[in-house]
């Protein structure tokens, strides 16, 4: 499963979410994590429909918010897990 994290390097919330996602991805070989820096990827960010950071995108579904807890992130990922996972 591919997970995209849209973030900015200066956002402390983004750094926290990135650390959480890296831990989750390290524990699950089925997860491919891509971190997209919005400042240097404006067109891609716009095409993805991202308006705020941090934003986690799986397929066409996006999770974003001022405070994304590890539990919220895990639940979002679990909703997108294939049934055979």
PDB file of N, CA and C in Angstrom:
ATOM      1  N   UNK A   1       0.840  -1.167   0.000  1.00  0.00           N
ATOM      2  CA  UNK A   1       0.000   0.000   0.000  1.00  0.00           C
ATOM      3  C   UNK A   1       0.893   1.240   0.000  1.00  0.00           C
ATOM      4  N   UNK A   2       0.545   2.193  -0.842  1.00  0.00           N
ATOM      5  CA  UNK A   2       1.322   3.424  -0.896  1.00  0.00           C
ATOM      6  C   UNK A   2       0.640   4.500  -0.056  1.00  0.00           C
ATOM      7  N   UNK A   3       1.431   5.112   0.801  1.00  0.00           N
ATOM      8  CA  UNK A   3       0.968   6.217   1.638  1.00  0.00           C
ATOM      9  C   UNK A   3       1.797   7.438   1.282  1.00  0.00           C
ATOM     10  N   UNK A   4       1.105   8.536   1.003  1.00  0.00           N
ATOM     11  CA  UNK A   4       1.791   9.799   0.715  1.00  0.00           C
ATOM     12  C   UNK A   4       1.572  10.745   1.886  1.00  0.00           C
ATOM     13  N   UNK A   5       2.652  11.338   2.365  1.00  0.00           N
ATOM     14  CA  UNK A   5       2.564  12.357   3.409  1.00  0.00           C
ATOM     15  C   UNK A   5       2.969  13.688   2.797  1.00  0.00           C
ATOM     16  N   UNK A   6       2.043  14.625   2.800  1.00  0.00           N
ATOM     17  CA  UNK A   6       2.325  15.986   2.342  1.00  0.00           C
ATOM     18  C   UNK A   6       2.647  16.805   3.573  1.00  0.00           C
ATOM     19  N   UNK A   7       3.810  17.452   3.523  1.00  0.00           N
ATOM     20  CA  UNK A   7       4.273  18.191   4.697  1.00  0.00           C
ATOM     21  C   UNK A   7       5.195  19.329   4.288  1.00  0.00           C
ATOM     22  N   UNK A   8       5.506  20.176   5.272  1.00  0.00           N
ATOM     23  CA  UNK A   8       6.566  21.169   5.093  1.00  0.00           C
ATOM     24  C   UNK A   8       7.592  20.925   6.191  1.00  0.00           C
ATOM     25  N   UNK A   9       8.823  21.184   5.888  1.00  0.00           N
ATOM     26  CA  UNK A   9       9.928  20.920   6.816  1.00  0.00           C
ATOM     27  C   UNK A   9       9.848  21.807   8.063  1.00  0.00           C
ATOM     28  N   UNK A  10       9.177  22.946   7.955  1.00  0.00           N
ATOM     29  CA  UNK A  10       9.105  23.877   9.085  1.00  0.00           C
ATOM     30  C   UNK A  10       7.912  23.631  10.008  1.00  0.00           C
ATOM     31  N   UNK A  11       7.082  22.676   9.679  1.00  0.00           N
ATOM     32  CA  UNK A  11       5.864  22.400  10.442  1.00  0.00           C
ATOM     33  C   UNK A  11       6.148  21.329  11.500  1.00  0.00           C
ATOM     34  N   UNK A  12       6.085  21.673  12.794  1.00  0.00           N
ATOM     35  CA  UNK A  12       6.363  20.679  13.832  1.00  0.00           C
ATOM     36  C   UNK A  12       5.335  19.542  13.843  1.00  0.00           C
ATOM     37  N   UNK A  13       4.076  19.850  13.520  1.00  0.00           N
ATOM     38  CA  UNK A  13       3.059  18.789  13.447  1.00  0.00           C
ATOM     39  C   UNK A  13       3.388  17.809  12.332  1.00  0.00           C
ATOM     40  N   UNK A  14       3.909  18.331  11.228  1.00  0.00           N
ATOM     41  CA  UNK A  14       4.292  17.482  10.091  1.00  0.00           C
ATOM     42  C   UNK A  14       5.437  16.549  10.481  1.00  0.00           C
ATOM     43  N   UNK A  15       6.389  17.055  11.208  1.00  0.00           N
ATOM     44  CA  UNK A  15       7.523  16.233  11.633  1.00  0.00           C
ATOM     45  C   UNK A  15       7.058  15.118  12.561  1.00  0.00           C
ATOM     46  N   UNK A  16       6.100  15.420  13.438  1.00  0.00           N
ATOM     47  CA  UNK A  16       5.551  14.415  14.346  1.00  0.00           C
ATOM     48  C   UNK A  16       4.830  13.319  13.564  1.00  0.00           C
ATOM     49  N   UNK A  17       4.008  13.718  12.596  1.00  0.00           N
ATOM     50  CA  UNK A  17       3.273  12.748  11.781  1.00  0.00           C
ATOM     51  C   UNK A  17       4.246  11.917  10.953  1.00  0.00           C
ATOM     52  N   UNK A  18       5.290  12.550  10.417  1.00  0.00           N
ATOM     53  CA  UNK A  18       6.294  11.813   9.642  1.00  0.00           C
ATOM     54  C   UNK A  18       6.968  10.752  10.500  1.00  0.00           C
ATOM     55  N   UNK A  19       7.321  11.098  11.717  1.00  0.00           N
ATOM     56  CA  UNK A  19       7.960  10.126  12.617  1.00  0.00           C
ATOM     57  C   UNK A  19       7.015   8.963  12.917  1.00  0.00           C
ATOM     58  N   UNK A  20       5.753   9.268  13.142  1.00  0.00           N
ATOM     59  CA  UNK A  20       4.761   8.222  13.403  1.00  0.00           C
ATOM     60  C   UNK A  20       4.612   7.305  12.201  1.00  0.00           C
ATOM     61  N   UNK A  21       4.501   7.883  11.010  1.00  0.00           N
ATOM     62  CA  UNK A  21       4.355   7.079   9.796  1.00  0.00           C
ATOM     63  C   UNK A  21       5.591   6.230   9.513  1.00  0.00           C
ATOM     64  N   UNK A  22       6.763   6.773   9.789  1.00  0.00           N
ATOM     65  CA  UNK A  22       7.998   5.996   9.580  1.00  0.00           C
ATOM     66  C   UNK A  22       8.029   4.771  10.483  1.00  0.00           C
ATOM     67  N   UNK A  23       7.568   4.917  11.725  1.00  0.00           N
ATOM     68  CA  UNK A  23       7.512   3.775  12.645  1.00  0.00           C
ATOM     69  C   UNK A  23       6.530   2.726  12.140  1.00  0.00           C
ATOM     70  N   UNK A  24       5.370   3.180  11.694  1.00  0.00           N
ATOM     71  CA  UNK A  24       4.355   2.257  11.183  1.00  0.00           C
ATOM     72  C   UNK A  24       4.877   1.538   9.940  1.00  0.00           C
ATOM     73  N   UNK A  25       5.486   2.280   9.032  1.00  0.00           N
ATOM     74  CA  UNK A  25       6.009   1.690   7.792  1.00  0.00           C
ATOM     75  C   UNK A  25       7.140   0.710   8.074  1.00  0.00           C
ATOM     76  N   UNK A  26       7.978   1.010   9.057  1.00  0.00           N
ATOM     77  CA  UNK A  26       9.082   0.111   9.401  1.00  0.00           C
ATOM     78  C   UNK A  26       8.565  -1.225   9.920  1.00  0.00           C
ATOM     79  N   UNK A  27       7.412  -1.207  10.553  1.00  0.00           N
ATOM     80  CA  UNK A  27       6.836  -2.433  11.115  1.00  0.00           C
ATOM     81  C   UNK A  27       5.996  -3.208  10.100  1.00  0.00           C
ATOM     82  N   UNK A  28       5.733  -2.608   8.953  1.00  0.00           N
ATOM     83  CA  UNK A  28       4.883  -3.260   7.950  1.00  0.00           C
ATOM     84  C   UNK A  28       5.529  -3.181   6.575  1.00  0.00           C
ATOM     85  N   UNK A  29       6.080  -4.296   6.090  1.00  0.00           N
ATOM     86  CA  UNK A  29       6.750  -4.278   4.794  1.00  0.00           C
ATOM     87  C   UNK A  29       5.811  -4.004   3.618  1.00  0.00           C
ATOM     88  N   UNK A  30       4.509  -4.095   3.829  1.00  0.00           N
ATOM     89  CA  UNK A  30       3.548  -3.828   2.752  1.00  0.00           C
ATOM     90  C   UNK A  30       3.310  -2.336   2.522  1.00  0.00           C
ATOM     91  N   UNK A  31       3.797  -1.506   3.426  1.00  0.00           N
ATOM     92  CA  UNK A  31       3.576  -0.067   3.322  1.00  0.00           C
ATOM     93  C   UNK A  31       4.767   0.600   2.649  1.00  0.00           C
ATOM     94  N   UNK A  32       4.451   1.382   1.618  1.00  0.00           N
ATOM     95  CA  UNK A  32       5.455   2.206   0.943  1.00  0.00           C
ATOM     96  C   UNK A  32       5.125   3.656   1.287  1.00  0.00           C
ATOM     97  N   UNK A  33       6.023   4.317   1.982  1.00  0.00           N
ATOM     98  CA  UNK A  33       5.804   5.693   2.430  1.00  0.00           C
ATOM     99  C   UNK A  33       6.555   6.656   1.531  1.00  0.00           C
ATOM    100  N   UNK A  34       5.835   7.637   1.021  1.00  0.00           N
ATOM    101  CA  UNK A  34       6.459   8.703   0.235  1.00  0.00           C
ATOM    102  C   UNK A  34       6.165  10.023   0.933  1.00  0.00           C
ATOM    103  N   UNK A  35       7.217  10.778   1.225  1.00  0.00           N
ATOM    104  CA  UNK A  35       7.059  12.080   1.880  1.00  0.00           C
ATOM    105  C   UNK A  35       7.248  13.159   0.826  1.00  0.00           C
ATOM    106  N   UNK A  36       6.219  13.990   0.680  1.00  0.00           N
ATOM    107  CA  UNK A  36       6.235  15.041  -0.333  1.00  0.00           C
ATOM    108  C   UNK A  36       6.333  16.390   0.352  1.00  0.00           C
ATOM    109  N   UNK A  37       7.375  17.119   0.038  1.00  0.00           N
ATOM    110  CA  UNK A  37       7.580  18.481   0.551  1.00  0.00           C
ATOM    111  C   UNK A  37       6.748  19.419  -0.329  1.00  0.00           C
ATOM    112  N   UNK A  38       5.718  20.034   0.252  1.00  0.00           N
ATOM    113  CA  UNK A  38       4.790  20.825  -0.551  1.00  0.00           C
ATOM    114  C   UNK A  38       5.434  22.061  -1.178  1.00  0.00           C
ATOM    115  N   UNK A  39       6.403  22.638  -0.506  1.00  0.00           N
ATOM    116  CA  UNK A  39       7.032  23.862  -1.015  1.00  0.00           C
ATOM    117  C   UNK A  39       7.746  23.609  -2.343  1.00  0.00           C
ATOM    118  N   UNK A  40       8.330  22.442  -2.491  1.00  0.00           N
ATOM    119  CA  UNK A  40       9.053  22.131  -3.732  1.00  0.00           C
ATOM    120  C   UNK A  40       8.234  21.291  -4.709  1.00  0.00           C
ATOM    121  N   UNK A  41       6.993  20.977  -4.335  1.00  0.00           N
ATOM    122  CA  UNK A  41       6.103  20.180  -5.197  1.00  0.00           C
ATOM    123  C   UNK A  41       4.708  20.799  -5.233  1.00  0.00           C
ATOM    124  N   UNK A  42       4.654  22.090  -5.561  1.00  0.00           N
ATOM    125  CA  UNK A  42       3.376  22.804  -5.520  1.00  0.00           C
ATOM    126  C   UNK A  42       2.358  22.245  -6.504  1.00  0.00           C
ATOM    127  N   UNK A  43       2.772  21.941  -7.720  1.00  0.00           N
ATOM    128  CA  UNK A  43       1.833  21.431  -8.725  1.00  0.00           C
ATOM    129  C   UNK A  43       1.259  20.083  -8.290  1.00  0.00           C
ATOM    130  N   UNK A  44       2.110  19.200  -7.826  1.00  0.00           N
ATOM    131  CA  UNK A  44       1.652  17.884  -7.378  1.00  0.00           C
ATOM    132  C   UNK A  44       0.702  18.012  -6.185  1.00  0.00           C
ATOM    133  N   UNK A  45       1.051  18.897  -5.263  1.00  0.00           N
ATOM    134  CA  UNK A  45       0.209  19.115  -4.087  1.00  0.00           C
ATOM    135  C   UNK A  45      -1.160  19.626  -4.512  1.00  0.00           C
ATOM    136  N   UNK A  46      -1.178  20.567  -5.429  1.00  0.00           N
ATOM    137  CA  UNK A  46      -2.436  21.115  -5.931  1.00  0.00           C
ATOM    138  C   UNK A  46      -3.261  20.040  -6.646  1.00  0.00           C
ATOM    139  N   UNK A  47      -2.609  19.246  -7.484  1.00  0.00           N
ATOM    140  CA  UNK A  47      -3.305  18.169  -8.206  1.00  0.00           C
ATOM    141  C   UNK A  47      -3.892  17.138  -7.244  1.00  0.00           C
ATOM    142  N   UNK A  48      -3.221  16.917  -6.120  1.00  0.00           N
ATOM    143  CA  UNK A  48      -3.702  15.950  -5.132  1.00  0.00           C
ATOM    144  C   UNK A  48      -4.851  16.519  -4.297  1.00  0.00           C
ATOM    145  N   UNK A  49      -5.122  17.817  -4.440  1.00  0.00           N
ATOM    146  CA  UNK A  49      -6.203  18.438  -3.682  1.00  0.00           C
ATOM    147  C   UNK A  49      -5.849  18.757  -2.243  1.00  0.00           C
ATOM    148  N   UNK A  50      -4.552  18.814  -1.948  1.00  0.00           N
ATOM    149  CA  UNK A  50      -4.097  19.079  -0.576  1.00  0.00           C
ATOM    150  C   UNK A  50      -4.158  20.581  -0.318  1.00  0.00           C
ATOM    151  N   UNK A  51      -4.837  20.944   0.767  1.00  0.00           N
ATOM    152  CA  UNK A  51      -4.972  22.365   1.114  1.00  0.00           C
ATOM    153  C   UNK A  51      -4.293  22.717   2.421  1.00  0.00           C
ATOM    154  N   UNK A  52      -4.095  21.726   3.309  1.00  0.00           N
ATOM    155  CA  UNK A  52      -3.429  21.959   4.586  1.00  0.00           C
ATOM    156  C   UNK A  52      -2.462  20.818   4.857  1.00  0.00           C
ATOM    157  N   UNK A  53      -1.514  21.085   5.725  1.00  0.00           N
ATOM    158  CA  UNK A  53      -0.559  20.056   6.131  1.00  0.00           C
ATOM    159  C   UNK A  53      -0.592  19.928   7.646  1.00  0.00           C
ATOM    160  N   UNK A  54      -0.264  18.780   8.167  1.00  0.00           N
ATOM    161  CA  UNK A  54       0.085  17.555   7.463  1.00  0.00           C
ATOM    162  C   UNK A  54      -1.154  16.911   6.828  1.00  0.00           C
ATOM    163  N   UNK A  55      -0.921  16.216   5.713  1.00  0.00           N
ATOM    164  CA  UNK A  55      -1.990  15.494   5.036  1.00  0.00           C
ATOM    165  C   UNK A  55      -1.461  14.127   4.628  1.00  0.00           C
ATOM    166  N   UNK A  56      -2.205  13.098   4.981  1.00  0.00           N
ATOM    167  CA  UNK A  56      -1.851  11.727   4.616  1.00  0.00           C
ATOM    168  C   UNK A  56      -2.836  11.290   3.548  1.00  0.00           C
ATOM    169  N   UNK A  57      -2.302  10.796   2.439  1.00  0.00           N
ATOM    170  CA  UNK A  57      -3.151  10.389   1.326  1.00  0.00           C
ATOM    171  C   UNK A  57      -2.920   8.920   1.009  1.00  0.00           C
ATOM    172  N   UNK A  58      -4.025   8.174   0.942  1.00  0.00           N
ATOM    173  CA  UNK A  58      -4.004   6.783   0.508  1.00  0.00           C
ATOM    174  C   UNK A  58      -5.057   6.684  -0.586  1.00  0.00           C
ATOM    175  N   UNK A  59      -4.619   6.389  -1.790  1.00  0.00           N
ATOM    176  CA  UNK A  59      -5.558   6.383  -2.913  1.00  0.00           C
ATOM    177  C   UNK A  59      -6.125   7.774  -3.105  1.00  0.00           C
ATOM    178  N   UNK A  60      -7.448   7.886  -3.082  1.00  0.00           N
ATOM    179  CA  UNK A  60      -8.101   9.194  -3.219  1.00  0.00           C
ATOM    180  C   UNK A  60      -8.577   9.745  -1.880  1.00  0.00           C
ATOM    181  N   UNK A  61      -8.275   9.060  -0.801  1.00  0.00           N
ATOM    182  CA  UNK A  61      -8.728   9.440   0.533  1.00  0.00           C
ATOM    183  C   UNK A  61      -7.619  10.204   1.257  1.00  0.00           C
ATOM    184  N   UNK A  62      -7.990  11.288   1.927  1.00  0.00           N
ATOM    185  CA  UNK A  62      -7.011  12.141   2.611  1.00  0.00           C
ATOM    186  C   UNK A  62      -7.405  12.313   4.068  1.00  0.00           C
ATOM    187  N   UNK A  63      -6.419  12.194   4.941  1.00  0.00           N
ATOM    188  CA  UNK A  63      -6.583  12.499   6.361  1.00  0.00           C
ATOM    189  C   UNK A  63      -5.722  13.715   6.658  1.00  0.00           C
ATOM    190  N   UNK A  64      -6.345  14.749   7.191  1.00  0.00           N
ATOM    191  CA  UNK A  64      -5.611  15.952   7.544  1.00  0.00           C
ATOM    192  C   UNK A  64      -6.221  16.540   8.809  1.00  0.00           C
ATOM    193  N   UNK A  65      -5.452  17.333   9.491  1.00  0.00           N
ATOM    194  CA  UNK A  65      -5.951  17.959  10.702  1.00  0.00           C
ATOM    195  C   UNK A  65      -4.832  18.615  11.482  1.00  0.00           C
ATOM    196  N   UNK A  66      -5.217  19.492  12.363  1.00  0.00           N
ATOM    197  CA  UNK A  66      -4.225  20.191  13.185  1.00  0.00           C
ATOM    198  C   UNK A  66      -3.511  19.205  14.091  1.00  0.00           C
ATOM    199  N   UNK A  67      -4.270  18.279  14.663  1.00  0.00           N
ATOM    200  CA  UNK A  67      -3.666  17.275  15.537  1.00  0.00           C
ATOM    201  C   UNK A  67      -4.040  15.895  15.013  1.00  0.00           C
ATOM    202  N   UNK A  68      -3.050  15.167  14.522  1.00  0.00           N
ATOM    203  CA  UNK A  68      -3.236  13.788  14.072  1.00  0.00           C
ATOM    204  C   UNK A  68      -2.511  12.892  15.063  1.00  0.00           C
ATOM    205  N   UNK A  69      -3.274  12.172  15.835  1.00  0.00           N
ATOM    206  CA  UNK A  69      -2.686  11.285  16.839  1.00  0.00           C
ATOM    207  C   UNK A  69      -2.245   9.977  16.182  1.00  0.00           C
ATOM    208  N   UNK A  70      -1.336   9.257  16.812  1.00  0.00           N
ATOM    209  CA  UNK A  70      -0.956   7.953  16.266  1.00  0.00           C
ATOM    210  C   UNK A  70      -2.168   7.039  16.077  1.00  0.00           C
ATOM    211  N   UNK A  71      -3.118   7.094  16.988  1.00  0.00           N
ATOM    212  CA  UNK A  71      -4.327   6.262  16.872  1.00  0.00           C
ATOM    213  C   UNK A  71      -5.132   6.636  15.632  1.00  0.00           C
ATOM    214  N   UNK A  72      -5.303   7.925  15.390  1.00  0.00           N
ATOM    215  CA  UNK A  72      -6.029   8.381  14.200  1.00  0.00           C
ATOM    216  C   UNK A  72      -5.332   7.915  12.928  1.00  0.00           C
ATOM    217  N   UNK A  73      -4.010   8.012  12.924  1.00  0.00           N
ATOM    218  CA  UNK A  73      -3.233   7.613  11.750  1.00  0.00           C
ATOM    219  C   UNK A  73      -3.363   6.113  11.520  1.00  0.00           C
ATOM    220  N   UNK A  74      -3.220   5.327  12.574  1.00  0.00           N
ATOM    221  CA  UNK A  74      -3.340   3.866  12.439  1.00  0.00           C
ATOM    222  C   UNK A  74      -4.735   3.458  11.964  1.00  0.00           C
ATOM    223  N   UNK A  75      -5.770   4.077  12.490  1.00  0.00           N
ATOM    224  CA  UNK A  75      -7.139   3.767  12.071  1.00  0.00           C
ATOM    225  C   UNK A  75      -7.344   4.098  10.597  1.00  0.00           C
ATOM    226  N   UNK A  76      -6.798   5.217  10.155  1.00  0.00           N
ATOM    227  CA  UNK A  76      -6.896   5.613   8.743  1.00  0.00           C
ATOM    228  C   UNK A  76      -6.217   4.577   7.856  1.00  0.00           C
ATOM    229  N   UNK A  77      -5.041   4.145   8.258  1.00  0.00           N
ATOM    230  CA  UNK A  77      -4.310   3.135   7.480  1.00  0.00           C
ATOM    231  C   UNK A  77      -5.071   1.809   7.487  1.00  0.00           C
ATOM    232  N   UNK A  78      -5.571   1.402   8.640  1.00  0.00           N
ATOM    233  CA  UNK A  78      -6.293   0.124   8.747  1.00  0.00           C
ATOM    234  C   UNK A  78      -7.540   0.094   7.865  1.00  0.00           C
ATOM    235  N   UNK A  79      -8.204   1.233   7.710  1.00  0.00           N
ATOM    236  CA  UNK A  79      -9.389   1.293   6.841  1.00  0.00           C
ATOM    237  C   UNK A  79      -9.042   0.996   5.385  1.00  0.00           C
ATOM    238  N   UNK A  80      -7.781   1.196   5.026  1.00  0.00           N
ATOM    239  CA  UNK A  80      -7.359   1.015   3.642  1.00  0.00           C
ATOM    240  C   UNK A  80      -6.582  -0.283   3.411  1.00  0.00           C
ATOM    241  N   UNK A  81      -6.421  -1.075   4.450  1.00  0.00           N
ATOM    242  CA  UNK A  81      -5.722  -2.344   4.314  1.00  0.00           C
ATOM    243  C   UNK A  81      -6.564  -3.303   3.482  1.00  0.00           C
ATOM    244  N   UNK A  82      -5.928  -4.042   2.580  1.00  0.00           N
ATOM    245  CA  UNK A  82      -6.675  -5.065   1.850  1.00  0.00           C
ATOM    246  C   UNK A  82      -7.180  -6.137   2.829  1.00  0.00           C
ATOM    247  N   UNK A  83      -8.259  -6.786   2.481  1.00  0.00           N
ATOM    248  CA  UNK A  83      -8.853  -7.791   3.364  1.00  0.00           C
ATOM    249  C   UNK A  83      -7.923  -8.943   3.693  1.00  0.00           C
ATOM    250  N   UNK A  84      -6.968  -9.241   2.816  1.00  0.00           N
ATOM    251  CA  UNK A  84      -6.049 -10.363   3.044  1.00  0.00           C
ATOM    252  C   UNK A  84      -4.813  -9.977   3.840  1.00  0.00           C
ATOM    253  N   UNK A  85      -4.753  -8.721   4.317  1.00  0.00           N
ATOM    254  CA  UNK A  85      -3.558  -8.249   5.047  1.00  0.00           C
ATOM    255  C   UNK A  85      -3.543  -8.782   6.457  1.00  0.00           C
TER     256      UNK A  85
END
